[in-house]
Amino acid sequence: MHEREFTIYANNPELEFFCDLDDICAKSICENELEIPQECIRKIECFEDAFKIYLTPSRKYYRDDWYVNLCRLEYVS
């Protein structure tokens, strides 16, 4: 089964955070930098030094570029 939850850490070398990590910033990063379609995001939780992305349950996006990049990015974290 493929992952549907991803934790992205603020100190990740692949991303540069230019704002305080809050819900608005995390949503912006997901949509603009990670290019995750809004309809694929179920929920975003923010923590002090990371945020967690919960994706909608679907198999249709497993081969999409944004999903593959997200898997790689979380592995780097």
C-alpha atoms as a PDB file:
ATOM      1  CA  MET A   1       0.000   0.000   0.000  1.00  0.00           C
ATOM      2  CA  HIS A   2       1.282   3.454  -0.871  1.00  0.00           C
ATOM      3  CA  GLU A   3       1.740   6.225   1.669  1.00  0.00           C
ATOM      4  CA  ARG A   4      -0.998   8.780   2.081  1.00  0.00           C
ATOM      5  CA  GLU A   5       0.652  10.712   4.924  1.00  0.00           C
ATOM      6  CA  PHE A   6       3.854  12.705   4.539  1.00  0.00           C
ATOM      7  CA  THR A   7       5.867  14.662   7.090  1.00  0.00           C
ATOM      8  CA  ILE A   8       7.891  17.574   5.742  1.00  0.00           C
ATOM      9  CA  TYR A   9      10.485  19.093   8.063  1.00  0.00           C
ATOM     10  CA  ALA A  10      11.346  22.795   8.040  1.00  0.00           C
ATOM     11  CA  ASN A  11      15.073  22.059   7.850  1.00  0.00           C
ATOM     12  CA  ASN A  12      14.673  20.023   4.648  1.00  0.00           C
ATOM     13  CA  PRO A  13      17.460  21.056   2.246  1.00  0.00           C
ATOM     14  CA  GLU A  14      15.133  20.711  -0.772  1.00  0.00           C
ATOM     15  CA  LEU A  15      12.763  23.422   0.493  1.00  0.00           C
ATOM     16  CA  GLU A  16      13.474  26.891   1.772  1.00  0.00           C
ATOM     17  CA  PHE A  17      10.932  28.253   4.210  1.00  0.00           C
ATOM     18  CA  PHE A  18      10.587  32.021   4.042  1.00  0.00           C
ATOM     19  CA  CYS A  19       7.748  32.296   6.535  1.00  0.00           C
ATOM     20  CA  ASP A  20       6.783  31.068   9.962  1.00  0.00           C
ATOM     21  CA  LEU A  21       5.404  27.576   9.713  1.00  0.00           C
ATOM     22  CA  ASP A  22       1.651  27.806  10.175  1.00  0.00           C
ATOM     23  CA  ASP A  23      -1.430  26.453   8.389  1.00  0.00           C
ATOM     24  CA  ILE A  24      -1.425  29.173   5.732  1.00  0.00           C
ATOM     25  CA  CYS A  25       2.286  28.768   4.992  1.00  0.00           C
ATOM     26  CA  ALA A  26       2.027  24.954   4.850  1.00  0.00           C
ATOM     27  CA  LYS A  27      -0.955  25.131   2.488  1.00  0.00           C
ATOM     28  CA  SER A  28       0.916  27.579   0.256  1.00  0.00           C
ATOM     29  CA  ILE A  29       3.984  25.308   0.159  1.00  0.00           C
ATOM     30  CA  CYS A  30       1.809  22.302  -0.716  1.00  0.00           C
ATOM     31  CA  GLU A  31       0.029  24.072  -3.553  1.00  0.00           C
ATOM     32  CA  ASN A  32       2.814  26.254  -4.976  1.00  0.00           C
ATOM     33  CA  GLU A  33       6.161  24.575  -4.316  1.00  0.00           C
ATOM     34  CA  LEU A  34       5.116  20.931  -4.071  1.00  0.00           C
ATOM     35  CA  GLU A  35       2.369  21.377  -6.702  1.00  0.00           C
ATOM     36  CA  ILE A  36      -0.084  19.095  -4.902  1.00  0.00           C
ATOM     37  CA  PRO A  37      -3.573  19.547  -6.383  1.00  0.00           C
ATOM     38  CA  GLN A  38      -5.947  20.979  -3.799  1.00  0.00           C
ATOM     39  CA  GLU A  39      -8.450  18.167  -4.353  1.00  0.00           C
ATOM     40  CA  CYS A  40      -5.802  15.612  -3.305  1.00  0.00           C
ATOM     41  CA  ILE A  41      -5.125  17.237   0.081  1.00  0.00           C
ATOM     42  CA  ARG A  42      -7.360  15.873   2.819  1.00  0.00           C
ATOM     43  CA  LYS A  43      -5.749  17.669   5.761  1.00  0.00           C
ATOM     44  CA  ILE A  44      -2.587  19.530   6.788  1.00  0.00           C
ATOM     45  CA  GLU A  45      -1.301  19.558  10.382  1.00  0.00           C
ATOM     46  CA  CYS A  46       1.397  21.999  11.487  1.00  0.00           C
ATOM     47  CA  PHE A  47       3.946  21.374  14.188  1.00  0.00           C
ATOM     48  CA  GLU A  48       6.789  23.514  15.499  1.00  0.00           C
ATOM     49  CA  ASP A  49       9.390  22.237  13.035  1.00  0.00           C
ATOM     50  CA  ALA A  50       7.357  20.287  10.482  1.00  0.00           C
ATOM     51  CA  PHE A  51       3.994  19.805   8.874  1.00  0.00           C
ATOM     52  CA  LYS A  52       2.125  16.647   7.943  1.00  0.00           C
ATOM     53  CA  ILE A  53       0.170  16.244   4.729  1.00  0.00           C
ATOM     54  CA  TYR A  54      -2.727  13.783   4.595  1.00  0.00           C
ATOM     55  CA  LEU A  55      -3.828  12.905   1.071  1.00  0.00           C
ATOM     56  CA  THR A  56      -7.245  11.779  -0.056  1.00  0.00           C
ATOM     57  CA  PRO A  57      -7.464   8.011  -0.535  1.00  0.00           C
ATOM     58  CA  SER A  58      -7.005   7.405  -4.245  1.00  0.00           C
ATOM     59  CA  ARG A  59      -4.791   5.374  -6.536  1.00  0.00           C
ATOM     60  CA  LYS A  60      -5.037   7.760  -9.459  1.00  0.00           C
ATOM     61  CA  TYR A  61      -2.152  10.030  -8.412  1.00  0.00           C
ATOM     62  CA  TYR A  62       0.526   7.423  -7.594  1.00  0.00           C
ATOM     63  CA  ARG A  63       2.296   7.990 -10.910  1.00  0.00           C
ATOM     64  CA  ASP A  64       1.868  11.776 -10.996  1.00  0.00           C
ATOM     65  CA  ASP A  65       5.059  13.821 -10.860  1.00  0.00           C
ATOM     66  CA  TRP A  66       4.028  15.741  -7.741  1.00  0.00           C
ATOM     67  CA  TYR A  67       3.379  12.475  -5.846  1.00  0.00           C
ATOM     68  CA  VAL A  68       6.712  10.929  -6.859  1.00  0.00           C
ATOM     69  CA  ASN A  69       8.502  14.143  -5.853  1.00  0.00           C
ATOM     70  CA  LEU A  70       6.646  14.187  -2.534  1.00  0.00           C
ATOM     71  CA  CYS A  71       7.785  10.616  -1.833  1.00  0.00           C
ATOM     72  CA  ARG A  72      11.379  11.590  -2.578  1.00  0.00           C
ATOM     73  CA  LEU A  73      11.157  14.767  -0.524  1.00  0.00           C
ATOM     74  CA  GLU A  74       9.831  12.944   2.525  1.00  0.00           C
ATOM     75  CA  TYR A  75      12.612  10.369   2.160  1.00  0.00           C
ATOM     76  CA  VAL A  76      15.178  13.204   2.199  1.00  0.00           C
ATOM     77  CA  SER A  77      13.556  14.637   5.328  1.00  0.00           C
END
